[in-house]
């Protein structure tokens, strides 16, 4: 089993009405329930707020430097994500497609994540 992160931001998701948002929420909860029953779902969050970023941390100088921000361009900000645990890249892509359809056929990124539970000791 491998961990995959499915990420999308609000630039990729079209504007929706409140009613469309409610419908997507209902569909999203159903998809998460289905994935939970299948043992695929790990965690998700659909509303990261870029304005809540506390700071950036840069430890490269030997002493950590804390600065306000990050001040990234909008296209760099993640708006929502799902962490899934699946058997293959193909399965991750299938799940990602379903999430993107809920987001309004927007674009998303699928990244394989290092699973600390899989590290040989």
PDB file of N, CA and C in Angstrom:
ATOM      1  N   UNK A   1       0.852  -1.185   0.000  1.00  0.00           N
ATOM      2  CA  UNK A   1       0.000   0.000   0.000  1.00  0.00           C
ATOM      3  C   UNK A   1       0.889   1.236   0.000  1.00  0.00           C
ATOM      4  N   UNK A   2       0.444   2.245  -0.705  1.00  0.00           N
ATOM      5  CA  UNK A   2       1.195   3.491  -0.797  1.00  0.00           C
ATOM      6  C   UNK A   2       0.285   4.660  -0.458  1.00  0.00           C
ATOM      7  N   UNK A   3       0.873   5.707   0.106  1.00  0.00           N
ATOM      8  CA  UNK A   3       0.138   6.927   0.412  1.00  0.00           C
ATOM      9  C   UNK A   3       0.226   7.892  -0.759  1.00  0.00           C
ATOM     10  N   UNK A   4      -0.877   8.525  -1.084  1.00  0.00           N
ATOM     11  CA  UNK A   4      -0.914   9.545  -2.131  1.00  0.00           C
ATOM     12  C   UNK A   4      -1.666  10.757  -1.601  1.00  0.00           C
ATOM     13  N   UNK A   5      -1.176  11.926  -1.967  1.00  0.00           N
ATOM     14  CA  UNK A   5      -1.833  13.177  -1.625  1.00  0.00           C
ATOM     15  C   UNK A   5      -2.487  13.725  -2.883  1.00  0.00           C
ATOM     16  N   UNK A   6      -3.773  13.981  -2.819  1.00  0.00           N
ATOM     17  CA  UNK A   6      -4.503  14.613  -3.910  1.00  0.00           C
ATOM     18  C   UNK A   6      -4.713  16.059  -3.481  1.00  0.00           C
ATOM     19  N   UNK A   7      -4.176  17.012  -4.240  1.00  0.00           N
ATOM     20  CA  UNK A   7      -4.249  18.419  -3.853  1.00  0.00           C
ATOM     21  C   UNK A   7      -4.902  19.243  -4.946  1.00  0.00           C
ATOM     22  N   UNK A   8      -5.656  20.247  -4.533  1.00  0.00           N
ATOM     23  CA  UNK A   8      -6.251  21.177  -5.478  1.00  0.00           C
ATOM     24  C   UNK A   8      -6.345  22.534  -4.817  1.00  0.00           C
ATOM     25  N   UNK A   9      -6.428  23.592  -5.640  1.00  0.00           N
ATOM     26  CA  UNK A   9      -6.591  24.915  -5.059  1.00  0.00           C
ATOM     27  C   UNK A   9      -7.784  25.622  -5.661  1.00  0.00           C
ATOM     28  N   UNK A  10      -8.146  26.744  -5.076  1.00  0.00           N
ATOM     29  CA  UNK A  10      -9.375  27.408  -5.507  1.00  0.00           C
ATOM     30  C   UNK A  10      -9.274  28.012  -6.898  1.00  0.00           C
ATOM     31  N   UNK A  11      -8.072  28.188  -7.433  1.00  0.00           N
ATOM     32  CA  UNK A  11      -7.929  28.657  -8.806  1.00  0.00           C
ATOM     33  C   UNK A  11      -8.412  27.606  -9.797  1.00  0.00           C
ATOM     34  N   UNK A  12      -8.303  26.331  -9.415  1.00  0.00           N
ATOM     35  CA  UNK A  12      -8.688  25.242 -10.308  1.00  0.00           C
ATOM     36  C   UNK A  12     -10.164  24.911 -10.201  1.00  0.00           C
ATOM     37  N   UNK A  13     -10.825  25.408  -9.170  1.00  0.00           N
ATOM     38  CA  UNK A  13     -12.217  25.063  -8.932  1.00  0.00           C
ATOM     39  C   UNK A  13     -13.088  26.244  -9.351  1.00  0.00           C
ATOM     40  N   UNK A  14     -14.060  26.021 -10.236  1.00  0.00           N
ATOM     41  CA  UNK A  14     -14.905  27.133 -10.687  1.00  0.00           C
ATOM     42  C   UNK A  14     -15.783  27.663  -9.557  1.00  0.00           C
ATOM     43  N   UNK A  15     -16.224  28.905  -9.699  1.00  0.00           N
ATOM     44  CA  UNK A  15     -17.158  29.478  -8.734  1.00  0.00           C
ATOM     45  C   UNK A  15     -18.447  28.668  -8.746  1.00  0.00           C
ATOM     46  N   UNK A  16     -19.012  28.470  -7.566  1.00  0.00           N
ATOM     47  CA  UNK A  16     -20.248  27.703  -7.459  1.00  0.00           C
ATOM     48  C   UNK A  16     -21.242  28.463  -6.591  1.00  0.00           C
ATOM     49  N   UNK A  17     -22.518  28.157  -6.784  1.00  0.00           N
ATOM     50  CA  UNK A  17     -23.557  28.732  -5.931  1.00  0.00           C
ATOM     51  C   UNK A  17     -23.564  27.992  -4.600  1.00  0.00           C
ATOM     52  N   UNK A  18     -24.256  28.565  -3.624  1.00  0.00           N
ATOM     53  CA  UNK A  18     -24.370  27.922  -2.319  1.00  0.00           C
ATOM     54  C   UNK A  18     -25.039  26.562  -2.448  1.00  0.00           C
ATOM     55  N   UNK A  19     -26.047  26.465  -3.292  1.00  0.00           N
ATOM     56  CA  UNK A  19     -26.740  25.182  -3.496  1.00  0.00           C
ATOM     57  C   UNK A  19     -25.796  24.149  -4.112  1.00  0.00           C
ATOM     58  N   UNK A  20     -25.002  24.565  -5.110  1.00  0.00           N
ATOM     59  CA  UNK A  20     -24.027  23.639  -5.722  1.00  0.00           C
ATOM     60  C   UNK A  20     -22.992  23.197  -4.687  1.00  0.00           C
ATOM     61  N   UNK A  21     -22.585  24.116  -3.815  1.00  0.00           N
ATOM     62  CA  UNK A  21     -21.631  23.770  -2.760  1.00  0.00           C
ATOM     63  C   UNK A  21     -22.221  22.738  -1.813  1.00  0.00           C
ATOM     64  N   UNK A  22     -23.489  22.893  -1.462  1.00  0.00           N
ATOM     65  CA  UNK A  22     -24.166  21.919  -0.591  1.00  0.00           C
ATOM     66  C   UNK A  22     -24.220  20.541  -1.263  1.00  0.00           C
ATOM     67  N   UNK A  23     -24.566  20.532  -2.558  1.00  0.00           N
ATOM     68  CA  UNK A  23     -24.629  19.260  -3.291  1.00  0.00           C
ATOM     69  C   UNK A  23     -23.263  18.583  -3.332  1.00  0.00           C
ATOM     70  N   UNK A  24     -22.232  19.357  -3.573  1.00  0.00           N
ATOM     71  CA  UNK A  24     -20.880  18.791  -3.611  1.00  0.00           C
ATOM     72  C   UNK A  24     -20.454  18.280  -2.241  1.00  0.00           C
ATOM     73  N   UNK A  25     -20.876  18.981  -1.198  1.00  0.00           N
ATOM     74  CA  UNK A  25     -20.565  18.520   0.155  1.00  0.00           C
ATOM     75  C   UNK A  25     -21.207  17.173   0.436  1.00  0.00           C
ATOM     76  N   UNK A  26     -22.456  17.021   0.038  1.00  0.00           N
ATOM     77  CA  UNK A  26     -23.163  15.751   0.212  1.00  0.00           C
ATOM     78  C   UNK A  26     -22.465  14.646  -0.581  1.00  0.00           C
ATOM     79  N   UNK A  27     -22.134  14.936  -1.826  1.00  0.00           N
ATOM     80  CA  UNK A  27     -21.437  13.951  -2.666  1.00  0.00           C
ATOM     81  C   UNK A  27     -20.061  13.629  -2.102  1.00  0.00           C
ATOM     82  N   UNK A  28     -19.374  14.642  -1.605  1.00  0.00           N
ATOM     83  CA  UNK A  28     -18.047  14.438  -1.029  1.00  0.00           C
ATOM     84  C   UNK A  28     -18.081  13.558   0.204  1.00  0.00           C
ATOM     85  N   UNK A  29     -19.054  13.802   1.073  1.00  0.00           N
ATOM     86  CA  UNK A  29     -19.185  12.956   2.270  1.00  0.00           C
ATOM     87  C   UNK A  29     -19.485  11.511   1.884  1.00  0.00           C
ATOM     88  N   UNK A  30     -20.292  11.314   0.849  1.00  0.00           N
ATOM     89  CA  UNK A  30     -20.595   9.957   0.381  1.00  0.00           C
ATOM     90  C   UNK A  30     -19.341   9.282  -0.162  1.00  0.00           C
ATOM     91  N   UNK A  31     -18.530  10.028  -0.920  1.00  0.00           N
ATOM     92  CA  UNK A  31     -17.286   9.464  -1.453  1.00  0.00           C
ATOM     93  C   UNK A  31     -16.324   9.115  -0.322  1.00  0.00           C
ATOM     94  N   UNK A  32     -16.200   9.988   0.660  1.00  0.00           N
ATOM     95  CA  UNK A  32     -15.316   9.723   1.795  1.00  0.00           C
ATOM     96  C   UNK A  32     -15.800   8.503   2.576  1.00  0.00           C
ATOM     97  N   UNK A  33     -17.097   8.370   2.761  1.00  0.00           N
ATOM     98  CA  UNK A  33     -17.644   7.194   3.455  1.00  0.00           C
ATOM     99  C   UNK A  33     -17.329   5.917   2.681  1.00  0.00           C
ATOM    100  N   UNK A  34     -17.519   5.969   1.372  1.00  0.00           N
ATOM    101  CA  UNK A  34     -17.207   4.809   0.526  1.00  0.00           C
ATOM    102  C   UNK A  34     -15.725   4.444   0.635  1.00  0.00           C
ATOM    103  N   UNK A  35     -14.863   5.461   0.591  1.00  0.00           N
ATOM    104  CA  UNK A  35     -13.416   5.215   0.684  1.00  0.00           C
ATOM    105  C   UNK A  35     -13.022   4.717   2.067  1.00  0.00           C
ATOM    106  N   UNK A  36     -13.712   5.189   3.101  1.00  0.00           N
ATOM    107  CA  UNK A  36     -13.433   4.735   4.462  1.00  0.00           C
ATOM    108  C   UNK A  36     -13.770   3.257   4.607  1.00  0.00           C
ATOM    109  N   UNK A  37     -14.937   2.875   4.116  1.00  0.00           N
ATOM    110  CA  UNK A  37     -15.360   1.469   4.165  1.00  0.00           C
ATOM    111  C   UNK A  37     -14.373   0.584   3.401  1.00  0.00           C
ATOM    112  N   UNK A  38     -13.850   1.095   2.276  1.00  0.00           N
ATOM    113  CA  UNK A  38     -12.894   0.334   1.463  1.00  0.00           C
ATOM    114  C   UNK A  38     -11.487   0.338   2.062  1.00  0.00           C
ATOM    115  N   UNK A  39     -11.259   1.120   3.133  1.00  0.00           N
ATOM    116  CA  UNK A  39      -9.945   1.172   3.765  1.00  0.00           C
ATOM    117  C   UNK A  39      -8.939   2.032   3.014  1.00  0.00           C
ATOM    118  N   UNK A  40      -9.417   2.927   2.162  1.00  0.00           N
ATOM    119  CA  UNK A  40      -8.544   3.763   1.329  1.00  0.00           C
ATOM    120  C   UNK A  40      -8.355   5.144   1.932  1.00  0.00           C
ATOM    121  N   UNK A  41      -9.384   5.683   2.551  1.00  0.00           N
ATOM    122  CA  UNK A  41      -9.363   7.056   3.055  1.00  0.00           C
ATOM    123  C   UNK A  41      -8.492   7.178   4.299  1.00  0.00           C
ATOM    124  N   UNK A  42      -7.621   8.192   4.329  1.00  0.00           N
ATOM    125  CA  UNK A  42      -6.807   8.476   5.508  1.00  0.00           C
ATOM    126  C   UNK A  42      -7.266   9.779   6.155  1.00  0.00           C
ATOM    127  N   UNK A  43      -7.289  10.874   5.376  1.00  0.00           N
ATOM    128  CA  UNK A  43      -7.629  12.179   5.927  1.00  0.00           C
ATOM    129  C   UNK A  43      -7.851  13.157   4.788  1.00  0.00           C
ATOM    130  N   UNK A  44      -8.702  14.144   4.996  1.00  0.00           N
ATOM    131  CA  UNK A  44      -8.855  15.206   4.007  1.00  0.00           C
ATOM    132  C   UNK A  44      -9.276  16.490   4.688  1.00  0.00           C
ATOM    133  N   UNK A  45      -9.094  17.582   3.966  1.00  0.00           N
ATOM    134  CA  UNK A  45      -9.559  18.885   4.406  1.00  0.00           C
ATOM    135  C   UNK A  45      -9.854  19.683   3.158  1.00  0.00           C
ATOM    136  N   UNK A  46     -11.026  20.224   3.065  1.00  0.00           N
ATOM    137  CA  UNK A  46     -11.411  20.940   1.859  1.00  0.00           C
ATOM    138  C   UNK A  46     -11.401  22.432   2.000  1.00  0.00           C
ATOM    139  N   UNK A  47     -10.824  22.967   3.039  1.00  0.00           N
ATOM    140  CA  UNK A  47     -10.896  24.408   3.183  1.00  0.00           C
ATOM    141  C   UNK A  47      -9.707  25.021   3.873  1.00  0.00           C
ATOM    142  N   UNK A  48      -8.531  24.807   3.366  1.00  0.00           N
ATOM    143  CA  UNK A  48      -7.374  25.481   3.943  1.00  0.00           C
ATOM    144  C   UNK A  48      -7.463  26.956   3.591  1.00  0.00           C
ATOM    145  N   UNK A  49      -7.266  27.800   4.556  1.00  0.00           N
ATOM    146  CA  UNK A  49      -7.382  29.244   4.353  1.00  0.00           C
ATOM    147  C   UNK A  49      -5.987  29.844   4.370  1.00  0.00           C
ATOM    148  N   UNK A  50      -5.532  30.332   3.204  1.00  0.00           N
ATOM    149  CA  UNK A  50      -4.189  30.878   3.075  1.00  0.00           C
ATOM    150  C   UNK A  50      -3.962  32.047   4.025  1.00  0.00           C
ATOM    151  N   UNK A  51      -5.014  32.763   4.395  1.00  0.00           N
ATOM    152  CA  UNK A  51      -4.845  33.916   5.274  1.00  0.00           C
ATOM    153  C   UNK A  51      -4.494  33.497   6.700  1.00  0.00           C
ATOM    154  N   UNK A  52      -4.602  32.202   7.015  1.00  0.00           N
ATOM    155  CA  UNK A  52      -4.287  31.743   8.365  1.00  0.00           C
ATOM    156  C   UNK A  52      -2.842  31.292   8.518  1.00  0.00           C
ATOM    157  N   UNK A  53      -2.037  31.396   7.447  1.00  0.00           N
ATOM    158  CA  UNK A  53      -0.636  31.001   7.548  1.00  0.00           C
ATOM    159  C   UNK A  53       0.042  31.836   8.631  1.00  0.00           C
ATOM    160  N   UNK A  54       0.672  31.172   9.582  1.00  0.00           N
ATOM    161  CA  UNK A  54       1.302  31.860  10.698  1.00  0.00           C
ATOM    162  C   UNK A  54       2.639  32.440  10.268  1.00  0.00           C
ATOM    163  N   UNK A  55       3.495  31.606   9.694  1.00  0.00           N
ATOM    164  CA  UNK A  55       4.809  32.078   9.279  1.00  0.00           C
ATOM    165  C   UNK A  55       5.508  31.011   8.455  1.00  0.00           C
ATOM    166  N   UNK A  56       6.638  31.412   7.894  1.00  0.00           N
ATOM    167  CA  UNK A  56       7.534  30.468   7.225  1.00  0.00           C
ATOM    168  C   UNK A  56       8.727  30.252   8.150  1.00  0.00           C
ATOM    169  N   UNK A  57       9.290  29.059   8.102  1.00  0.00           N
ATOM    170  CA  UNK A  57      10.442  28.734   8.944  1.00  0.00           C
ATOM    171  C   UNK A  57      11.575  28.289   8.044  1.00  0.00           C
ATOM    172  N   UNK A  58      12.754  28.927   8.192  1.00  0.00           N
ATOM    173  CA  UNK A  58      13.929  28.572   7.401  1.00  0.00           C
ATOM    174  C   UNK A  58      15.071  28.232   8.363  1.00  0.00           C
ATOM    175  N   UNK A  59      15.398  26.931   8.533  1.00  0.00           N
ATOM    176  CA  UNK A  59      16.436  26.531   9.481  1.00  0.00           C
ATOM    177  C   UNK A  59      17.840  26.436   8.868  1.00  0.00           C
ATOM    178  N   UNK A  60      18.007  26.809   7.599  1.00  0.00           N
ATOM    179  CA  UNK A  60      19.269  26.559   6.890  1.00  0.00           C
ATOM    180  C   UNK A  60      20.471  27.271   7.490  1.00  0.00           C
ATOM    181  N   UNK A  61      20.283  28.377   8.182  1.00  0.00           N
ATOM    182  CA  UNK A  61      21.427  29.128   8.710  1.00  0.00           C
ATOM    183  C   UNK A  61      21.959  28.531  10.008  1.00  0.00           C
ATOM    184  N   UNK A  62      21.323  27.495  10.527  1.00  0.00           N
ATOM    185  CA  UNK A  62      21.731  26.911  11.801  1.00  0.00           C
ATOM    186  C   UNK A  62      20.837  27.388  12.928  1.00  0.00           C
ATOM    187  N   UNK A  63      20.283  28.576  12.794  1.00  0.00           N
ATOM    188  CA  UNK A  63      19.289  29.133  13.709  1.00  0.00           C
ATOM    189  C   UNK A  63      18.028  29.362  12.895  1.00  0.00           C
ATOM    190  N   UNK A  64      16.905  28.894  13.367  1.00  0.00           N
ATOM    191  CA  UNK A  64      15.704  29.080  12.553  1.00  0.00           C
ATOM    192  C   UNK A  64      15.352  30.557  12.401  1.00  0.00           C
ATOM    193  N   UNK A  65      14.941  30.924  11.189  1.00  0.00           N
ATOM    194  CA  UNK A  65      14.481  32.281  10.896  1.00  0.00           C
ATOM    195  C   UNK A  65      12.978  32.182  10.635  1.00  0.00           C
ATOM    196  N   UNK A  66      12.219  32.953  11.397  1.00  0.00           N
ATOM    197  CA  UNK A  66      10.766  32.964  11.258  1.00  0.00           C
ATOM    198  C   UNK A  66      10.363  34.273  10.578  1.00  0.00           C
ATOM    199  N   UNK A  67       9.627  34.172   9.478  1.00  0.00           N
ATOM    200  CA  UNK A  67       9.170  35.365   8.777  1.00  0.00           C
ATOM    201  C   UNK A  67       7.672  35.274   8.539  1.00  0.00           C
ATOM    202  N   UNK A  68       7.045  36.440   8.479  1.00  0.00           N
ATOM    203  CA  UNK A  68       5.621  36.468   8.162  1.00  0.00           C
ATOM    204  C   UNK A  68       5.407  35.829   6.803  1.00  0.00           C
ATOM    205  N   UNK A  69       4.261  35.245   6.620  1.00  0.00           N
ATOM    206  CA  UNK A  69       3.967  34.656   5.319  1.00  0.00           C
ATOM    207  C   UNK A  69       3.553  33.224   5.489  1.00  0.00           C
ATOM    208  N   UNK A  70       3.640  32.421   4.479  1.00  0.00           N
ATOM    209  CA  UNK A  70       4.302  32.708   3.203  1.00  0.00           C
ATOM    210  C   UNK A  70       3.477  33.655   2.334  1.00  0.00           C
ATOM    211  N   UNK A  71       4.166  34.381   1.486  1.00  0.00           N
ATOM    212  CA  UNK A  71       3.509  35.245   0.528  1.00  0.00           C
ATOM    213  C   UNK A  71       3.702  34.630  -0.839  1.00  0.00           C
ATOM    214  N   UNK A  72       2.966  33.571  -1.086  1.00  0.00           N
ATOM    215  CA  UNK A  72       3.066  32.851  -2.355  1.00  0.00           C
ATOM    216  C   UNK A  72       2.041  33.413  -3.331  1.00  0.00           C
ATOM    217  N   UNK A  73       2.283  33.148  -4.603  1.00  0.00           N
ATOM    218  CA  UNK A  73       1.281  33.500  -5.595  1.00  0.00           C
ATOM    219  C   UNK A  73       0.079  32.577  -5.405  1.00  0.00           C
ATOM    220  N   UNK A  74      -1.078  33.058  -5.797  1.00  0.00           N
ATOM    221  CA  UNK A  74      -2.299  32.277  -5.612  1.00  0.00           C
ATOM    222  C   UNK A  74      -2.169  30.875  -6.188  1.00  0.00           C
ATOM    223  N   UNK A  75      -1.534  30.754  -7.350  1.00  0.00           N
ATOM    224  CA  UNK A  75      -1.449  29.451  -7.995  1.00  0.00           C
ATOM    225  C   UNK A  75      -0.656  28.438  -7.178  1.00  0.00           C
ATOM    226  N   UNK A  76       0.086  28.907  -6.179  1.00  0.00           N
ATOM    227  CA  UNK A  76       0.899  28.002  -5.375  1.00  0.00           C
ATOM    228  C   UNK A  76       0.184  27.532  -4.110  1.00  0.00           C
ATOM    229  N   UNK A  77      -0.973  28.068  -3.816  1.00  0.00           N
ATOM    230  CA  UNK A  77      -1.641  27.764  -2.563  1.00  0.00           C
ATOM    231  C   UNK A  77      -2.574  26.574  -2.694  1.00  0.00           C
ATOM    232  N   UNK A  78      -2.466  25.648  -1.766  1.00  0.00           N
ATOM    233  CA  UNK A  78      -3.361  24.495  -1.734  1.00  0.00           C
ATOM    234  C   UNK A  78      -4.633  24.906  -1.010  1.00  0.00           C
ATOM    235  N   UNK A  79      -5.763  24.617  -1.601  1.00  0.00           N
ATOM    236  CA  UNK A  79      -7.048  24.946  -0.993  1.00  0.00           C
ATOM    237  C   UNK A  79      -7.653  23.744  -0.292  1.00  0.00           C
ATOM    238  N   UNK A  80      -7.394  22.567  -0.771  1.00  0.00           N
ATOM    239  CA  UNK A  80      -7.934  21.368  -0.161  1.00  0.00           C
ATOM    240  C   UNK A  80      -7.103  20.169  -0.557  1.00  0.00           C
ATOM    241  N   UNK A  81      -7.266  19.098   0.187  1.00  0.00           N
ATOM    242  CA  UNK A  81      -6.484  17.903  -0.113  1.00  0.00           C
ATOM    243  C   UNK A  81      -7.153  16.668   0.466  1.00  0.00           C
ATOM    244  N   UNK A  82      -6.716  15.528  -0.011  1.00  0.00           N
ATOM    245  CA  UNK A  82      -7.117  14.242   0.555  1.00  0.00           C
ATOM    246  C   UNK A  82      -5.877  13.360   0.588  1.00  0.00           C
ATOM    247  N   UNK A  83      -5.705  12.656   1.658  1.00  0.00           N
ATOM    248  CA  UNK A  83      -4.622  11.686   1.788  1.00  0.00           C
ATOM    249  C   UNK A  83      -5.263  10.316   1.730  1.00  0.00           C
ATOM    250  N   UNK A  84      -4.796   9.494   0.790  1.00  0.00           N
ATOM    251  CA  UNK A  84      -5.369   8.167   0.600  1.00  0.00           C
ATOM    252  C   UNK A  84      -4.268   7.112   0.659  1.00  0.00           C
ATOM    253  N   UNK A  85      -4.648   5.892   0.966  1.00  0.00           N
ATOM    254  CA  UNK A  85      -3.708   4.770   1.005  1.00  0.00           C
ATOM    255  C   UNK A  85      -4.274   3.694   0.082  1.00  0.00           C
ATOM    256  N   UNK A  86      -3.584   3.489  -1.053  1.00  0.00           N
ATOM    257  CA  UNK A  86      -4.081   2.583  -2.085  1.00  0.00           C
ATOM    258  C   UNK A  86      -2.991   1.613  -2.514  1.00  0.00           C
ATOM    259  N   UNK A  87      -3.380   0.616  -3.305  1.00  0.00           N
ATOM    260  CA  UNK A  87      -2.450  -0.428  -3.732  1.00  0.00           C
ATOM    261  C   UNK A  87      -1.565   0.000  -4.893  1.00  0.00           C
ATOM    262  N   UNK A  88      -2.031   0.985  -5.695  1.00  0.00           N
ATOM    263  CA  UNK A  88      -1.269   1.314  -6.903  1.00  0.00           C
ATOM    264  C   UNK A  88      -1.470   2.772  -7.307  1.00  0.00           C
ATOM    265  N   UNK A  89      -0.586   3.230  -8.161  1.00  0.00           N
ATOM    266  CA  UNK A  89      -0.708   4.569  -8.721  1.00  0.00           C
ATOM    267  C   UNK A  89      -2.019   4.680  -9.508  1.00  0.00           C
ATOM    268  N   UNK A  90      -2.372   3.633 -10.236  1.00  0.00           N
ATOM    269  CA  UNK A  90      -3.603   3.637 -11.008  1.00  0.00           C
ATOM    270  C   UNK A  90      -4.821   3.854 -10.132  1.00  0.00           C
ATOM    271  N   UNK A  91      -4.851   3.187  -8.988  1.00  0.00           N
ATOM    272  CA  UNK A  91      -5.970   3.361  -8.064  1.00  0.00           C
ATOM    273  C   UNK A  91      -5.991   4.789  -7.515  1.00  0.00           C
ATOM    274  N   UNK A  92      -4.815   5.352  -7.243  1.00  0.00           N
ATOM    275  CA  UNK A  92      -4.734   6.744  -6.768  1.00  0.00           C
ATOM    276  C   UNK A  92      -5.301   7.697  -7.809  1.00  0.00           C
ATOM    277  N   UNK A  93      -4.999   7.440  -9.080  1.00  0.00           N
ATOM    278  CA  UNK A  93      -5.497   8.305 -10.148  1.00  0.00           C
ATOM    279  C   UNK A  93      -7.015   8.201 -10.284  1.00  0.00           C
ATOM    280  N   UNK A  94      -7.555   7.002 -10.092  1.00  0.00           N
ATOM    281  CA  UNK A  94      -9.008   6.831 -10.146  1.00  0.00           C
ATOM    282  C   UNK A  94      -9.692   7.613  -9.033  1.00  0.00           C
ATOM    283  N   UNK A  95      -9.136   7.538  -7.822  1.00  0.00           N
ATOM    284  CA  UNK A  95      -9.710   8.273  -6.696  1.00  0.00           C
ATOM    285  C   UNK A  95      -9.583   9.775  -6.942  1.00  0.00           C
ATOM    286  N   UNK A  96      -8.435  10.209  -7.454  1.00  0.00           N
ATOM    287  CA  UNK A  96      -8.219  11.633  -7.738  1.00  0.00           C
ATOM    288  C   UNK A  96      -9.248  12.155  -8.736  1.00  0.00           C
ATOM    289  N   UNK A  97      -9.543  11.358  -9.749  1.00  0.00           N
ATOM    290  CA  UNK A  97     -10.536  11.777 -10.737  1.00  0.00           C
ATOM    291  C   UNK A  97     -11.889  12.005 -10.075  1.00  0.00           C
ATOM    292  N   UNK A  98     -12.250  11.127  -9.165  1.00  0.00           N
ATOM    293  CA  UNK A  98     -13.538  11.270  -8.480  1.00  0.00           C
ATOM    294  C   UNK A  98     -13.570  12.532  -7.615  1.00  0.00           C
ATOM    295  N   UNK A  99     -12.464  12.830  -6.928  1.00  0.00           N
ATOM    296  CA  UNK A  99     -12.387  14.059  -6.135  1.00  0.00           C
ATOM    297  C   UNK A  99     -12.483  15.291  -7.031  1.00  0.00           C
ATOM    298  N   UNK A 100     -11.808  15.272  -8.164  1.00  0.00           N
ATOM    299  CA  UNK A 100     -11.813  16.427  -9.052  1.00  0.00           C
ATOM    300  C   UNK A 100     -13.204  16.659  -9.651  1.00  0.00           C
ATOM    301  N   UNK A 101     -13.926  15.582  -9.909  1.00  0.00           N
ATOM    302  CA  UNK A 101     -15.296  15.748 -10.412  1.00  0.00           C
ATOM    303  C   UNK A 101     -16.164  16.440  -9.360  1.00  0.00           C
ATOM    304  N   UNK A 102     -15.946  16.102  -8.084  1.00  0.00           N
ATOM    305  CA  UNK A 102     -16.679  16.776  -7.010  1.00  0.00           C
ATOM    306  C   UNK A 102     -16.310  18.252  -6.940  1.00  0.00           C
ATOM    307  N   UNK A 103     -15.067  18.557  -7.284  1.00  0.00           N
ATOM    308  CA  UNK A 103     -14.599  19.944  -7.242  1.00  0.00           C
ATOM    309  C   UNK A 103     -15.026  20.724  -8.478  1.00  0.00           C
ATOM    310  N   UNK A 104     -15.736  20.098  -9.384  1.00  0.00           N
ATOM    311  CA  UNK A 104     -16.226  20.794 -10.562  1.00  0.00           C
ATOM    312  C   UNK A 104     -15.381  20.567 -11.786  1.00  0.00           C
ATOM    313  N   UNK A 105     -14.838  19.373 -11.921  1.00  0.00           N
ATOM    314  CA  UNK A 105     -13.975  19.031 -13.057  1.00  0.00           C
ATOM    315  C   UNK A 105     -12.756  19.942 -13.140  1.00  0.00           C
ATOM    316  N   UNK A 106     -12.299  20.412 -11.996  1.00  0.00           N
ATOM    317  CA  UNK A 106     -11.078  21.211 -11.961  1.00  0.00           C
ATOM    318  C   UNK A 106      -9.861  20.313 -12.073  1.00  0.00           C
ATOM    319  N   UNK A 107      -8.707  20.921 -11.997  1.00  0.00           N
ATOM    320  CA  UNK A 107      -7.452  20.172 -12.053  1.00  0.00           C
ATOM    321  C   UNK A 107      -6.973  19.877 -10.642  1.00  0.00           C
ATOM    322  N   UNK A 108      -6.168  18.854 -10.514  1.00  0.00           N
ATOM    323  CA  UNK A 108      -5.582  18.520  -9.234  1.00  0.00           C
ATOM    324  C   UNK A 108      -4.206  17.922  -9.436  1.00  0.00           C
ATOM    325  N   UNK A 109      -3.504  17.764  -8.363  1.00  0.00           N
ATOM    326  CA  UNK A 109      -2.194  17.120  -8.402  1.00  0.00           C
ATOM    327  C   UNK A 109      -2.253  15.866  -7.551  1.00  0.00           C
ATOM    328  N   UNK A 110      -1.547  14.831  -7.999  1.00  0.00           N
ATOM    329  CA  UNK A 110      -1.461  13.587  -7.251  1.00  0.00           C
ATOM    330  C   UNK A 110       0.016  13.361  -6.957  1.00  0.00           C
ATOM    331  N   UNK A 111       0.353  13.286  -5.676  1.00  0.00           N
ATOM    332  CA  UNK A 111       1.739  13.123  -5.258  1.00  0.00           C
ATOM    333  C   UNK A 111       1.857  11.898  -4.371  1.00  0.00           C
ATOM    334  N   UNK A 112       2.866  11.073  -4.623  1.00  0.00           N
ATOM    335  CA  UNK A 112       3.101   9.949  -3.719  1.00  0.00           C
ATOM    336  C   UNK A 112       3.816  10.490  -2.495  1.00  0.00           C
ATOM    337  N   UNK A 113       3.386  10.041  -1.325  1.00  0.00           N
ATOM    338  CA  UNK A 113       3.902  10.530  -0.059  1.00  0.00           C
ATOM    339  C   UNK A 113       4.667   9.407   0.638  1.00  0.00           C
ATOM    340  N   UNK A 114       5.776   9.738   1.220  1.00  0.00           N
ATOM    341  CA  UNK A 114       6.555   8.780   2.001  1.00  0.00           C
ATOM    342  C   UNK A 114       5.723   8.358   3.203  1.00  0.00           C
ATOM    343  N   UNK A 115       5.560   7.073   3.390  1.00  0.00           N
ATOM    344  CA  UNK A 115       4.768   6.534   4.497  1.00  0.00           C
ATOM    345  C   UNK A 115       5.712   6.127   5.638  1.00  0.00           C
ATOM    346  N   UNK A 116       5.745   6.866   6.739  1.00  0.00           N
ATOM    347  CA  UNK A 116       6.665   6.541   7.818  1.00  0.00           C
ATOM    348  C   UNK A 116       6.402   5.182   8.462  1.00  0.00           C
ATOM    349  N   UNK A 117       5.199   4.646   8.290  1.00  0.00           N
ATOM    350  CA  UNK A 117       4.887   3.343   8.860  1.00  0.00           C
ATOM    351  C   UNK A 117       5.499   2.209   8.045  1.00  0.00           C
ATOM    352  N   UNK A 118       5.979   2.519   6.852  1.00  0.00           N
ATOM    353  CA  UNK A 118       6.553   1.496   5.969  1.00  0.00           C
ATOM    354  C   UNK A 118       8.086   1.443   6.046  1.00  0.00           C
ATOM    355  N   UNK A 119       8.683   2.252   6.894  1.00  0.00           N
ATOM    356  CA  UNK A 119      10.140   2.311   6.983  1.00  0.00           C
ATOM    357  C   UNK A 119      10.670   1.067   7.670  1.00  0.00           C
ATOM    358  N   UNK A 120      11.622   0.375   7.040  1.00  0.00           N
ATOM    359  CA  UNK A 120      12.230  -0.778   7.716  1.00  0.00           C
ATOM    360  C   UNK A 120      12.984  -0.302   8.963  1.00  0.00           C
ATOM    361  N   UNK A 121      12.872  -1.029  10.012  1.00  0.00           N
ATOM    362  CA  UNK A 121      13.547  -0.631  11.269  1.00  0.00           C
ATOM    363  C   UNK A 121      14.719  -1.528  11.530  1.00  0.00           C
TER     364      UNK A 121
END
